[in-house]
Amino acid sequence: MAVPKQRHTKSRRNKRRANIRLEAPSLVKCSKCGKMKRSHAVCQNCGYYKGREVIDVLKDLTKKEKKKKEKEISLKEEQEPKNLSMEGLSKK
């Protein structure tokens, strides 16, 4: 069995370990609700992925939580600017 002749220095050991670390997950903004979510994954807040509902997040909530969540979603939809065409903008 091979045995090293010399001991590796601390700096050599630390250089090797410099790239062993945890990295923060890449987060993107959800197109439906605006909360931060992991890319290429279903949003945990609204249950949407690529513009369509995949998970019904209101199903397992209590009545009180469901009402609060529905209110939050409706407020978010009201705050979003409407996509207007050039005719719509000129009428204002």
Protein backbone atom coordinates (compact mmCIF):
# COMPACT_ATOMS: atom_id res chain seq x y z
CA MET A 1 0.00 0.00 0.00
CA ALA A 2 1.28 3.46 -0.90
CA VAL A 3 2.24 5.69 2.00
CA PRO A 4 3.12 9.38 1.54
CA LYS A 5 6.76 10.19 2.25
CA GLN A 6 6.05 13.73 3.44
CA ARG A 7 3.20 15.33 5.28
CA HIS A 8 1.02 17.77 3.31
CA THR A 9 1.10 21.32 4.61
CA LYS A 10 -1.91 23.10 6.09
CA SER A 11 -2.05 25.51 3.17
CA ARG A 12 -2.16 22.65 0.67
CA ARG A 13 -4.93 20.98 2.65
CA ASN A 14 -6.88 24.25 2.91
CA LYS A 15 -6.52 24.95 -0.83
CA ARG A 16 -8.09 21.59 -1.56
CA ARG A 17 -10.96 22.25 0.85
CA ALA A 18 -11.61 25.79 -0.41
CA ASN A 19 -14.23 24.60 -2.91
CA ILE A 20 -16.08 22.30 -0.51
CA ARG A 21 -18.96 24.43 0.72
CA LEU A 22 -22.71 24.79 0.66
CA GLU A 23 -24.15 27.05 -2.00
CA ALA A 24 -27.36 29.05 -1.69
CA PRO A 25 -30.13 27.76 -3.95
CA SER A 26 -30.88 29.88 -6.98
CA LEU A 27 -34.17 31.68 -6.39
CA VAL A 28 -36.44 33.36 -8.91
CA LYS A 29 -39.61 35.40 -8.57
CA CYS A 30 -42.88 33.49 -9.11
CA SER A 31 -44.75 34.87 -12.11
CA LYS A 32 -48.14 34.33 -10.45
CA CYS A 33 -47.73 35.51 -6.84
CA GLY A 34 -44.36 37.29 -6.85
CA LYS A 35 -42.81 35.31 -3.98
CA MET A 36 -39.33 33.88 -4.29
CA LYS A 37 -39.16 30.20 -5.30
CA ARG A 38 -36.56 27.74 -6.56
CA SER A 39 -36.16 27.75 -10.31
CA HIS A 40 -37.81 24.90 -12.26
CA ALA A 41 -40.02 24.01 -9.28
CA VAL A 42 -43.65 24.47 -8.24
CA CYS A 43 -44.30 27.59 -6.16
CA GLN A 44 -45.07 26.59 -2.57
CA ASN A 45 -47.17 29.71 -2.05
CA CYS A 46 -49.62 29.55 -4.99
CA GLY A 47 -49.05 26.05 -6.45
CA TYR A 48 -48.39 27.28 -10.01
CA TYR A 49 -45.67 26.10 -12.39
CA LYS A 50 -45.15 27.51 -15.90
CA GLY A 51 -48.38 29.49 -15.76
CA ARG A 52 -50.75 26.69 -14.76
CA GLU A 53 -51.94 25.37 -11.42
CA VAL A 54 -50.25 22.11 -10.47
CA ILE A 55 -51.06 21.92 -6.74
CA ASP A 56 -54.23 23.10 -5.02
CA VAL A 57 -52.70 24.87 -2.01
CA LEU A 58 -56.09 25.86 -0.56
CA LYS A 59 -57.25 22.22 -0.25
CA ASP A 60 -55.51 21.36 3.03
CA LEU A 61 -55.99 24.71 4.79
CA THR A 62 -58.46 25.42 7.55
CA LYS A 63 -61.41 27.71 6.85
CA LYS A 64 -59.69 30.70 8.49
CA GLU A 65 -56.39 30.14 6.66
CA LYS A 66 -58.21 29.60 3.35
CA LYS A 67 -60.08 32.90 3.68
CA LYS A 68 -56.85 34.75 4.51
CA LYS A 69 -55.01 33.16 1.55
CA GLU A 70 -57.85 33.97 -0.90
CA LYS A 71 -57.86 37.58 0.29
CA GLU A 72 -54.07 37.78 -0.13
CA ILE A 73 -54.31 36.40 -3.69
CA SER A 74 -57.11 38.77 -4.67
CA LEU A 75 -55.17 41.79 -3.34
CA LYS A 76 -52.13 40.69 -5.33
CA GLU A 77 -54.20 40.43 -8.53
CA GLU A 78 -55.65 43.92 -7.98
CA GLN A 79 -52.19 45.44 -7.55
CA GLU A 80 -50.85 44.01 -10.82
CA PRO A 81 -50.83 46.59 -13.62
CA LYS A 82 -53.18 45.79 -16.48
CA ASN A 83 -51.57 45.11 -19.85
CA LEU A 84 -52.96 47.84 -22.05
CA SER A 85 -52.64 48.16 -25.79
CA MET A 86 -51.73 51.40 -27.52
CA GLU A 87 -55.43 52.22 -28.00
CA GLY A 88 -56.09 51.73 -24.30
CA LEU A 89 -53.23 54.02 -23.36
CA SER A 90 -54.32 56.74 -25.76
CA LYS A 91 -57.85 56.79 -24.30
CA LYS A 92 -56.51 57.79 -20.89
